[in-house]
PDB file of N, CA and C in Angstrom:
ATOM      1  N   UNK A   1     -33.127  21.565   0.596  1.00  0.00           N
ATOM      2  CA  UNK A   1     -34.369  22.214   0.230  1.00  0.00           C
ATOM      3  C   UNK A   1     -35.017  22.876   1.451  1.00  0.00           C
ATOM      4  N   UNK A   2     -34.837  22.274   2.633  1.00  0.00           N
ATOM      5  CA  UNK A   2     -35.445  22.826   3.845  1.00  0.00           C
ATOM      6  C   UNK A   2     -34.994  24.268   4.078  1.00  0.00           C
ATOM      7  N   UNK A   3     -33.684  24.489   3.990  1.00  0.00           N
ATOM      8  CA  UNK A   3     -33.150  25.829   4.229  1.00  0.00           C
ATOM      9  C   UNK A   3     -33.650  26.852   3.230  1.00  0.00           C
ATOM     10  N   UNK A   4     -33.798  26.444   1.986  1.00  0.00           N
ATOM     11  CA  UNK A   4     -34.277  27.352   0.939  1.00  0.00           C
ATOM     12  C   UNK A   4     -35.712  27.780   1.219  1.00  0.00           C
ATOM     13  N   UNK A   5     -36.572  26.823   1.545  1.00  0.00           N
ATOM     14  CA  UNK A   5     -37.981  27.167   1.781  1.00  0.00           C
ATOM     15  C   UNK A   5     -38.143  27.975   3.066  1.00  0.00           C
ATOM     16  N   UNK A   6     -37.343  27.652   4.081  1.00  0.00           N
ATOM     17  CA  UNK A   6     -37.430  28.405   5.334  1.00  0.00           C
ATOM     18  C   UNK A   6     -36.993  29.851   5.113  1.00  0.00           C
ATOM     19  N   UNK A   7     -35.909  30.036   4.387  1.00  0.00           N
ATOM     20  CA  UNK A   7     -35.431  31.382   4.077  1.00  0.00           C
ATOM     21  C   UNK A   7     -36.454  32.151   3.249  1.00  0.00           C
ATOM     22  N   UNK A   8     -37.113  31.468   2.325  1.00  0.00           N
ATOM     23  CA  UNK A   8     -38.150  32.117   1.510  1.00  0.00           C
ATOM     24  C   UNK A   8     -39.295  32.610   2.385  1.00  0.00           C
ATOM     25  N   UNK A   9     -39.686  31.819   3.385  1.00  0.00           N
ATOM     26  CA  UNK A   9     -40.761  32.251   4.287  1.00  0.00           C
ATOM     27  C   UNK A   9     -40.350  33.476   5.099  1.00  0.00           C
ATOM     28  N   UNK A  10     -39.101  33.506   5.551  1.00  0.00           N
ATOM     29  CA  UNK A  10     -38.621  34.682   6.288  1.00  0.00           C
ATOM     30  C   UNK A  10     -38.688  35.922   5.404  1.00  0.00           C
ATOM     31  N   UNK A  11     -38.228  35.790   4.164  1.00  0.00           N
ATOM     32  CA  UNK A  11     -38.265  36.910   3.224  1.00  0.00           C
ATOM     33  C   UNK A  11     -39.677  37.335   2.893  1.00  0.00           C
ATOM     34  N   UNK A  12     -40.557  36.360   2.697  1.00  0.00           N
ATOM     35  CA  UNK A  12     -41.962  36.661   2.406  1.00  0.00           C
ATOM     36  C   UNK A  12     -42.600  37.419   3.562  1.00  0.00           C
ATOM     37  N   UNK A  13     -42.285  37.017   4.786  1.00  0.00           N
ATOM     38  CA  UNK A  13     -42.824  37.697   5.973  1.00  0.00           C
ATOM     39  C   UNK A  13     -42.418  39.166   5.981  1.00  0.00           C
ATOM     40  N   UNK A  14     -41.153  39.431   5.747  1.00  0.00           N
ATOM     41  CA  UNK A  14     -40.675  40.817   5.749  1.00  0.00           C
ATOM     42  C   UNK A  14     -41.263  41.619   4.591  1.00  0.00           C
ATOM     43  N   UNK A  15     -41.334  41.006   3.410  1.00  0.00           N
ATOM     44  CA  UNK A  15     -41.875  41.709   2.240  1.00  0.00           C
ATOM     45  C   UNK A  15     -43.352  42.033   2.431  1.00  0.00           C
ATOM     46  N   UNK A  16     -44.126  41.074   2.910  1.00  0.00           N
ATOM     47  CA  UNK A  16     -45.557  41.321   3.122  1.00  0.00           C
ATOM     48  C   UNK A  16     -45.789  42.364   4.206  1.00  0.00           C
ATOM     49  N   UNK A  17     -44.979  42.320   5.258  1.00  0.00           N
ATOM     50  CA  UNK A  17     -45.127  43.317   6.322  1.00  0.00           C
ATOM     51  C   UNK A  17     -44.895  44.716   5.768  1.00  0.00           C
ATOM     52  N   UNK A  18     -43.908  44.861   4.895  1.00  0.00           N
ATOM     53  CA  UNK A  18     -43.638  46.160   4.279  1.00  0.00           C
ATOM     54  C   UNK A  18     -44.765  46.628   3.383  1.00  0.00           C
ATOM     55  N   UNK A  19     -45.373  45.702   2.664  1.00  0.00           N
ATOM     56  CA  UNK A  19     -46.466  46.047   1.751  1.00  0.00           C
ATOM     57  C   UNK A  19     -47.794  46.272   2.469  1.00  0.00           C
ATOM     58  N   UNK A  20     -48.051  45.520   3.523  1.00  0.00           N
ATOM     59  CA  UNK A  20     -49.365  45.549   4.169  1.00  0.00           C
ATOM     60  C   UNK A  20     -49.463  46.596   5.281  1.00  0.00           C
ATOM     61  N   UNK A  21     -48.316  47.014   5.825  1.00  0.00           N
ATOM     62  CA  UNK A  21     -48.339  47.965   6.921  1.00  0.00           C
ATOM     63  C   UNK A  21     -48.800  49.331   6.463  1.00  0.00           C
ATOM     64  N   UNK A  22     -49.166  50.205   7.345  1.00  0.00           N
ATOM     65  CA  UNK A  22     -49.038  50.086   8.789  1.00  0.00           C
ATOM     66  C   UNK A  22     -50.247  49.462   9.481  1.00  0.00           C
ATOM     67  N   UNK A  23     -51.320  49.227   8.762  1.00  0.00           N
ATOM     68  CA  UNK A  23     -52.546  48.763   9.420  1.00  0.00           C
ATOM     69  C   UNK A  23     -52.602  47.257   9.644  1.00  0.00           C
ATOM     70  N   UNK A  24     -51.781  46.507   8.930  1.00  0.00           N
ATOM     71  CA  UNK A  24     -51.776  45.052   9.067  1.00  0.00           C
ATOM     72  C   UNK A  24     -50.367  44.617   9.434  1.00  0.00           C
ATOM     73  N   UNK A  25     -50.270  43.792  10.471  1.00  0.00           N
ATOM     74  CA  UNK A  25     -48.977  43.252  10.890  1.00  0.00           C
ATOM     75  C   UNK A  25     -48.822  41.843  10.333  1.00  0.00           C
ATOM     76  N   UNK A  26     -47.614  41.518   9.894  1.00  0.00           N
ATOM     77  CA  UNK A  26     -47.323  40.190   9.344  1.00  0.00           C
ATOM     78  C   UNK A  26     -46.127  39.621  10.090  1.00  0.00           C
ATOM     79  N   UNK A  27     -46.304  38.444  10.668  1.00  0.00           N
ATOM     80  CA  UNK A  27     -45.233  37.770  11.391  1.00  0.00           C
ATOM     81  C   UNK A  27     -45.234  36.295  11.027  1.00  0.00           C
ATOM     82  N   UNK A  28     -44.161  35.624  11.386  1.00  0.00           N
ATOM     83  CA  UNK A  28     -43.994  34.203  11.085  1.00  0.00           C
ATOM     84  C   UNK A  28     -43.725  33.455  12.385  1.00  0.00           C
ATOM     85  N   UNK A  29     -44.324  32.295  12.541  1.00  0.00           N
ATOM     86  CA  UNK A  29     -44.033  31.421  13.675  1.00  0.00           C
ATOM     87  C   UNK A  29     -43.219  30.251  13.146  1.00  0.00           C
ATOM     88  N   UNK A  30     -42.049  30.036  13.736  1.00  0.00           N
ATOM     89  CA  UNK A  30     -41.182  28.915  13.368  1.00  0.00           C
ATOM     90  C   UNK A  30     -41.248  27.890  14.495  1.00  0.00           C
ATOM     91  N   UNK A  31     -42.077  26.872  14.336  1.00  0.00           N
ATOM     92  CA  UNK A  31     -42.247  25.898  15.421  1.00  0.00           C
ATOM     93  C   UNK A  31     -41.089  24.915  15.493  1.00  0.00           C
ATOM     94  N   UNK A  32     -40.817  24.458  16.702  1.00  0.00           N
ATOM     95  CA  UNK A  32     -39.905  23.339  16.875  1.00  0.00           C
ATOM     96  C   UNK A  32     -40.671  22.049  16.618  1.00  0.00           C
ATOM     97  N   UNK A  33     -40.096  20.945  17.039  1.00  0.00           N
ATOM     98  CA  UNK A  33     -40.763  19.653  16.848  1.00  0.00           C
ATOM     99  C   UNK A  33     -42.014  19.602  17.715  1.00  0.00           C
ATOM    100  N   UNK A  34     -43.136  19.307  17.099  1.00  0.00           N
ATOM    101  CA  UNK A  34     -44.408  19.196  17.813  1.00  0.00           C
ATOM    102  C   UNK A  34     -44.953  17.790  17.584  1.00  0.00           C
ATOM    103  N   UNK A  35     -45.159  17.032  18.664  1.00  0.00           N
ATOM    104  CA  UNK A  35     -45.680  15.675  18.482  1.00  0.00           C
ATOM    105  C   UNK A  35     -47.131  15.698  18.000  1.00  0.00           C
ATOM    106  N   UNK A  36     -47.322  15.201  16.812  1.00  0.00           N
ATOM    107  CA  UNK A  36     -48.654  15.085  16.224  1.00  0.00           C
ATOM    108  C   UNK A  36     -48.794  13.682  15.648  1.00  0.00           C
ATOM    109  N   UNK A  37     -49.939  13.378  15.163  1.00  0.00           N
ATOM    110  CA  UNK A  37     -50.165  12.072  14.543  1.00  0.00           C
ATOM    111  C   UNK A  37     -49.204  11.875  13.367  1.00  0.00           C
ATOM    112  N   UNK A  38     -48.904  12.936  12.662  1.00  0.00           N
ATOM    113  CA  UNK A  38     -47.973  12.887  11.536  1.00  0.00           C
ATOM    114  C   UNK A  38     -46.582  12.418  11.981  1.00  0.00           C
ATOM    115  N   UNK A  39     -46.203  12.742  13.213  1.00  0.00           N
ATOM    116  CA  UNK A  39     -44.880  12.399  13.738  1.00  0.00           C
ATOM    117  C   UNK A  39     -44.924  11.179  14.650  1.00  0.00           C
ATOM    118  N   UNK A  40     -45.922  10.342  14.509  1.00  0.00           N
ATOM    119  CA  UNK A  40     -46.101   9.211  15.427  1.00  0.00           C
ATOM    120  C   UNK A  40     -44.895   8.275  15.457  1.00  0.00           C
ATOM    121  N   UNK A  41     -44.179   8.138  14.343  1.00  0.00           N
ATOM    122  CA  UNK A  41     -42.990   7.284  14.328  1.00  0.00           C
ATOM    123  C   UNK A  41     -42.002   7.723  15.403  1.00  0.00           C
ATOM    124  N   UNK A  42     -41.837   9.021  15.575  1.00  0.00           N
ATOM    125  CA  UNK A  42     -40.888   9.545  16.548  1.00  0.00           C
ATOM    126  C   UNK A  42     -41.431   9.489  17.966  1.00  0.00           C
ATOM    127  N   UNK A  43     -42.673   9.862  18.148  1.00  0.00           N
ATOM    128  CA  UNK A  43     -43.200   9.977  19.508  1.00  0.00           C
ATOM    129  C   UNK A  43     -43.637   8.643  20.091  1.00  0.00           C
ATOM    130  N   UNK A  44     -43.899   7.658  19.255  1.00  0.00           N
ATOM    131  CA  UNK A  44     -44.283   6.343  19.764  1.00  0.00           C
ATOM    132  C   UNK A  44     -43.074   5.531  20.216  1.00  0.00           C
ATOM    133  N   UNK A  45     -41.886   5.917  19.780  1.00  0.00           N
ATOM    134  CA  UNK A  45     -40.652   5.253  20.179  1.00  0.00           C
ATOM    135  C   UNK A  45     -40.094   5.997  21.390  1.00  0.00           C
ATOM    136  N   UNK A  46     -40.126   5.356  22.556  1.00  0.00           N
ATOM    137  CA  UNK A  46     -39.743   6.022  23.803  1.00  0.00           C
ATOM    138  C   UNK A  46     -38.294   6.521  23.770  1.00  0.00           C
ATOM    139  N   UNK A  47     -37.392   5.768  23.162  1.00  0.00           N
ATOM    140  CA  UNK A  47     -35.985   6.177  23.081  1.00  0.00           C
ATOM    141  C   UNK A  47     -35.842   7.459  22.270  1.00  0.00           C
ATOM    142  N   UNK A  48     -36.491   7.514  21.131  1.00  0.00           N
ATOM    143  CA  UNK A  48     -36.427   8.713  20.285  1.00  0.00           C
ATOM    144  C   UNK A  48     -37.094   9.886  20.985  1.00  0.00           C
ATOM    145  N   UNK A  49     -38.232   9.629  21.612  1.00  0.00           N
ATOM    146  CA  UNK A  49     -38.952  10.710  22.308  1.00  0.00           C
ATOM    147  C   UNK A  49     -38.086  11.312  23.415  1.00  0.00           C
ATOM    148  N   UNK A  50     -37.400  10.461  24.182  1.00  0.00           N
ATOM    149  CA  UNK A  50     -36.530  10.964  25.252  1.00  0.00           C
ATOM    150  C   UNK A  50     -35.405  11.828  24.682  1.00  0.00           C
ATOM    151  N   UNK A  51     -34.817  11.391  23.569  1.00  0.00           N
ATOM    152  CA  UNK A  51     -33.745  12.172  22.942  1.00  0.00           C
ATOM    153  C   UNK A  51     -34.263  13.521  22.459  1.00  0.00           C
ATOM    154  N   UNK A  52     -35.461  13.537  21.900  1.00  0.00           N
ATOM    155  CA  UNK A  52     -36.056  14.799  21.456  1.00  0.00           C
ATOM    156  C   UNK A  52     -36.306  15.722  22.640  1.00  0.00           C
ATOM    157  N   UNK A  53     -36.812  15.171  23.743  1.00  0.00           N
ATOM    158  CA  UNK A  53     -37.041  15.971  24.952  1.00  0.00           C
ATOM    159  C   UNK A  53     -35.740  16.582  25.456  1.00  0.00           C
ATOM    160  N   UNK A  54     -34.671  15.802  25.452  1.00  0.00           N
ATOM    161  CA  UNK A  54     -33.385  16.263  25.966  1.00  0.00           C
ATOM    162  C   UNK A  54     -32.765  17.364  25.112  1.00  0.00           C
ATOM    163  N   UNK A  55     -33.129  17.444  23.847  1.00  0.00           N
ATOM    164  CA  UNK A  55     -32.569  18.476  22.955  1.00  0.00           C
ATOM    165  C   UNK A  55     -33.091  19.869  23.291  1.00  0.00           C
ATOM    166  N   UNK A  56     -34.235  19.954  23.958  1.00  0.00           N
ATOM    167  CA  UNK A  56     -34.790  21.270  24.262  1.00  0.00           C
ATOM    168  C   UNK A  56     -34.280  21.758  25.613  1.00  0.00           C
ATOM    169  N   UNK A  57     -34.130  23.052  25.754  1.00  0.00           N
ATOM    170  CA  UNK A  57     -33.706  23.625  27.031  1.00  0.00           C
ATOM    171  C   UNK A  57     -34.770  23.428  28.102  1.00  0.00           C
ATOM    172  N   UNK A  58     -36.016  23.265  27.684  1.00  0.00           N
ATOM    173  CA  UNK A  58     -37.116  23.087  28.634  1.00  0.00           C
ATOM    174  C   UNK A  58     -37.382  21.621  28.942  1.00  0.00           C
ATOM    175  N   UNK A  59     -36.640  20.722  28.288  1.00  0.00           N
ATOM    176  CA  UNK A  59     -36.718  19.272  28.517  1.00  0.00           C
ATOM    177  C   UNK A  59     -38.105  18.698  28.281  1.00  0.00           C
ATOM    178  N   UNK A  60     -38.797  19.282  27.309  1.00  0.00           N
ATOM    179  CA  UNK A  60     -40.097  18.753  26.890  1.00  0.00           C
ATOM    180  C   UNK A  60     -40.344  19.163  25.453  1.00  0.00           C
ATOM    181  N   UNK A  61     -41.232  18.435  24.816  1.00  0.00           N
ATOM    182  CA  UNK A  61     -41.614  18.789  23.455  1.00  0.00           C
ATOM    183  C   UNK A  61     -42.693  19.857  23.491  1.00  0.00           C
ATOM    184  N   UNK A  62     -42.766  20.623  22.442  1.00  0.00           N
ATOM    185  CA  UNK A  62     -43.821  21.618  22.322  1.00  0.00           C
ATOM    186  C   UNK A  62     -45.148  20.945  22.024  1.00  0.00           C
ATOM    187  N   UNK A  63     -46.193  21.714  22.104  1.00  0.00           N
ATOM    188  CA  UNK A  63     -47.537  21.198  21.822  1.00  0.00           C
ATOM    189  C   UNK A  63     -48.228  22.135  20.832  1.00  0.00           C
ATOM    190  N   UNK A  64     -49.309  21.657  20.268  1.00  0.00           N
ATOM    191  CA  UNK A  64     -50.072  22.536  19.377  1.00  0.00           C
ATOM    192  C   UNK A  64     -50.600  23.726  20.166  1.00  0.00           C
ATOM    193  N   UNK A  65     -50.849  23.533  21.448  1.00  0.00           N
ATOM    194  CA  UNK A  65     -51.297  24.648  22.292  1.00  0.00           C
ATOM    195  C   UNK A  65     -50.198  25.705  22.438  1.00  0.00           C
ATOM    196  N   UNK A  66     -48.944  25.271  22.510  1.00  0.00           N
ATOM    197  CA  UNK A  66     -47.830  26.231  22.566  1.00  0.00           C
ATOM    198  C   UNK A  66     -47.782  27.084  21.304  1.00  0.00           C
ATOM    199  N   UNK A  67     -48.000  26.447  20.161  1.00  0.00           N
ATOM    200  CA  UNK A  67     -47.983  27.176  18.885  1.00  0.00           C
ATOM    201  C   UNK A  67     -49.176  28.129  18.803  1.00  0.00           C
ATOM    202  N   UNK A  68     -50.336  27.654  19.254  1.00  0.00           N
ATOM    203  CA  UNK A  68     -51.539  28.490  19.245  1.00  0.00           C
ATOM    204  C   UNK A  68     -51.368  29.698  20.165  1.00  0.00           C
ATOM    205  N   UNK A  69     -50.703  29.500  21.298  1.00  0.00           N
ATOM    206  CA  UNK A  69     -50.475  30.611  22.228  1.00  0.00           C
ATOM    207  C   UNK A  69     -49.594  31.681  21.590  1.00  0.00           C
ATOM    208  N   UNK A  70     -48.587  31.255  20.841  1.00  0.00           N
ATOM    209  CA  UNK A  70     -47.730  32.223  20.143  1.00  0.00           C
ATOM    210  C   UNK A  70     -48.535  32.994  19.106  1.00  0.00           C
ATOM    211  N   UNK A  71     -49.380  32.291  18.366  1.00  0.00           N
ATOM    212  CA  UNK A  71     -50.219  32.951  17.354  1.00  0.00           C
ATOM    213  C   UNK A  71     -51.197  33.920  18.012  1.00  0.00           C
ATOM    214  N   UNK A  72     -51.787  33.506  19.132  1.00  0.00           N
ATOM    215  CA  UNK A  72     -52.733  34.376  19.843  1.00  0.00           C
ATOM    216  C   UNK A  72     -52.024  35.635  20.350  1.00  0.00           C
ATOM    217  N   UNK A  73     -50.807  35.465  20.860  1.00  0.00           N
ATOM    218  CA  UNK A  73     -50.046  36.631  21.310  1.00  0.00           C
ATOM    219  C   UNK A  73     -49.788  37.589  20.154  1.00  0.00           C
ATOM    220  N   UNK A  74     -49.322  37.058  19.030  1.00  0.00           N
ATOM    221  CA  UNK A  74     -49.012  37.921  17.883  1.00  0.00           C
ATOM    222  C   UNK A  74     -50.253  38.627  17.347  1.00  0.00           C
ATOM    223  N   UNK A  75     -51.409  38.013  17.506  1.00  0.00           N
ATOM    224  CA  UNK A  75     -52.655  38.629  17.040  1.00  0.00           C
ATOM    225  C   UNK A  75     -53.223  39.624  18.051  1.00  0.00           C
ATOM    226  N   UNK A  76     -52.669  39.630  19.258  1.00  0.00           N
ATOM    227  CA  UNK A  76     -53.214  40.479  20.319  1.00  0.00           C
ATOM    228  C   UNK A  76     -52.644  41.894  20.272  1.00  0.00           C
ATOM    229  N   UNK A  77     -53.283  42.784  21.032  1.00  0.00           N
ATOM    230  CA  UNK A  77     -52.796  44.155  21.153  1.00  0.00           C
ATOM    231  C   UNK A  77     -51.441  44.216  21.863  1.00  0.00           C
ATOM    232  N   UNK A  78     -51.110  43.182  22.652  1.00  0.00           N
ATOM    233  CA  UNK A  78     -49.811  43.149  23.325  1.00  0.00           C
ATOM    234  C   UNK A  78     -48.656  43.092  22.330  1.00  0.00           C
ATOM    235  N   UNK A  79     -48.936  42.659  21.111  1.00  0.00           N
ATOM    236  CA  UNK A  79     -47.905  42.566  20.069  1.00  0.00           C
ATOM    237  C   UNK A  79     -48.099  43.635  19.001  1.00  0.00           C
ATOM    238  N   UNK A  80     -48.732  44.743  19.372  1.00  0.00           N
ATOM    239  CA  UNK A  80     -49.094  45.763  18.382  1.00  0.00           C
ATOM    240  C   UNK A  80     -47.892  46.453  17.734  1.00  0.00           C
ATOM    241  N   UNK A  81     -46.709  46.309  18.311  1.00  0.00           N
ATOM    242  CA  UNK A  81     -45.514  46.928  17.733  1.00  0.00           C
ATOM    243  C   UNK A  81     -44.565  45.870  17.178  1.00  0.00           C
ATOM    244  N   UNK A  82     -45.088  44.684  16.910  1.00  0.00           N
ATOM    245  CA  UNK A  82     -44.282  43.593  16.350  1.00  0.00           C
ATOM    246  C   UNK A  82     -44.783  43.293  14.949  1.00  0.00           C
ATOM    247  N   UNK A  83     -43.914  43.445  13.976  1.00  0.00           N
ATOM    248  CA  UNK A  83     -44.235  43.077  12.598  1.00  0.00           C
ATOM    249  C   UNK A  83     -42.940  42.714  11.881  1.00  0.00           C
ATOM    250  N   UNK A  84     -43.054  41.911  10.844  1.00  0.00           N
ATOM    251  CA  UNK A  84     -41.918  41.473  10.018  1.00  0.00           C
ATOM    252  C   UNK A  84     -40.942  40.590  10.792  1.00  0.00           C
ATOM    253  N   UNK A  85     -41.424  39.937  11.831  1.00  0.00           N
ATOM    254  CA  UNK A  85     -40.551  39.124  12.679  1.00  0.00           C
ATOM    255  C   UNK A  85     -40.878  37.645  12.559  1.00  0.00           C
ATOM    256  N   UNK A  86     -39.885  36.831  12.843  1.00  0.00           N
ATOM    257  CA  UNK A  86     -40.075  35.388  12.953  1.00  0.00           C
ATOM    258  C   UNK A  86     -39.887  35.018  14.412  1.00  0.00           C
ATOM    259  N   UNK A  87     -40.911  34.438  14.994  1.00  0.00           N
ATOM    260  CA  UNK A  87     -40.883  34.018  16.390  1.00  0.00           C
ATOM    261  C   UNK A  87     -40.610  32.518  16.414  1.00  0.00           C
ATOM    262  N   UNK A  88     -39.496  32.128  17.009  1.00  0.00           N
ATOM    263  CA  UNK A  88     -39.149  30.713  17.122  1.00  0.00           C
ATOM    264  C   UNK A  88     -39.787  30.170  18.398  1.00  0.00           C
ATOM    265  N   UNK A  89     -40.624  29.158  18.252  1.00  0.00           N
ATOM    266  CA  UNK A  89     -41.293  28.519  19.388  1.00  0.00           C
ATOM    267  C   UNK A  89     -40.793  27.077  19.413  1.00  0.00           C
ATOM    268  N   UNK A  90     -39.626  26.889  20.044  1.00  0.00           N
ATOM    269  CA  UNK A  90     -38.955  25.592  19.956  1.00  0.00           C
ATOM    270  C   UNK A  90     -38.327  25.141  21.274  1.00  0.00           C
ATOM    271  N   UNK A  91     -38.734  25.735  22.375  1.00  0.00           N
ATOM    272  CA  UNK A  91     -38.210  25.292  23.660  1.00  0.00           C
ATOM    273  C   UNK A  91     -36.721  25.529  23.846  1.00  0.00           C
ATOM    274  N   UNK A  92     -36.171  26.464  23.095  1.00  0.00           N
ATOM    275  CA  UNK A  92     -34.754  26.781  23.223  1.00  0.00           C
ATOM    276  C   UNK A  92     -33.840  25.991  22.306  1.00  0.00           C
ATOM    277  N   UNK A  93     -34.408  25.163  21.432  1.00  0.00           N
ATOM    278  CA  UNK A  93     -33.582  24.435  20.464  1.00  0.00           C
ATOM    279  C   UNK A  93     -33.064  25.450  19.450  1.00  0.00           C
ATOM    280  N   UNK A  94     -31.762  25.473  19.205  1.00  0.00           N
ATOM    281  CA  UNK A  94     -31.233  26.432  18.229  1.00  0.00           C
ATOM    282  C   UNK A  94     -31.861  26.241  16.848  1.00  0.00           C
ATOM    283  N   UNK A  95     -32.124  27.350  16.191  1.00  0.00           N
ATOM    284  CA  UNK A  95     -32.702  27.308  14.850  1.00  0.00           C
ATOM    285  C   UNK A  95     -31.714  26.680  13.884  1.00  0.00           C
ATOM    286  N   UNK A  96     -32.235  25.965  12.907  1.00  0.00           N
ATOM    287  CA  UNK A  96     -31.379  25.319  11.914  1.00  0.00           C
ATOM    288  C   UNK A  96     -30.950  26.278  10.822  1.00  0.00           C
ATOM    289  N   UNK A  97     -31.300  27.526  10.956  1.00  0.00           N
ATOM    290  CA  UNK A  97     -30.921  28.483   9.927  1.00  0.00           C
ATOM    291  C   UNK A  97     -30.409  29.763  10.543  1.00  0.00           C
TER     292      UNK A  97
END
């Protein structure tokens, strides 16, 4: 089910960008694992946390601030020529799709 919903979001992003442009840009952020209270089972276990850190090329987990920075960039004028794209913010972990 994960792959189906992820693919649907990618398609929705492209379809909305086509319908809403040229004045509105539509992009998707695909976050990697972000330690939150929801994921406390994983982050509270030091062994699991270390394994998660090692899976990323940057050897650390992402943060909500990392995701917010990607969103802020996409909303900025610096991204004025970016639309219909999915930005993976996962520390170099290969996408599952």
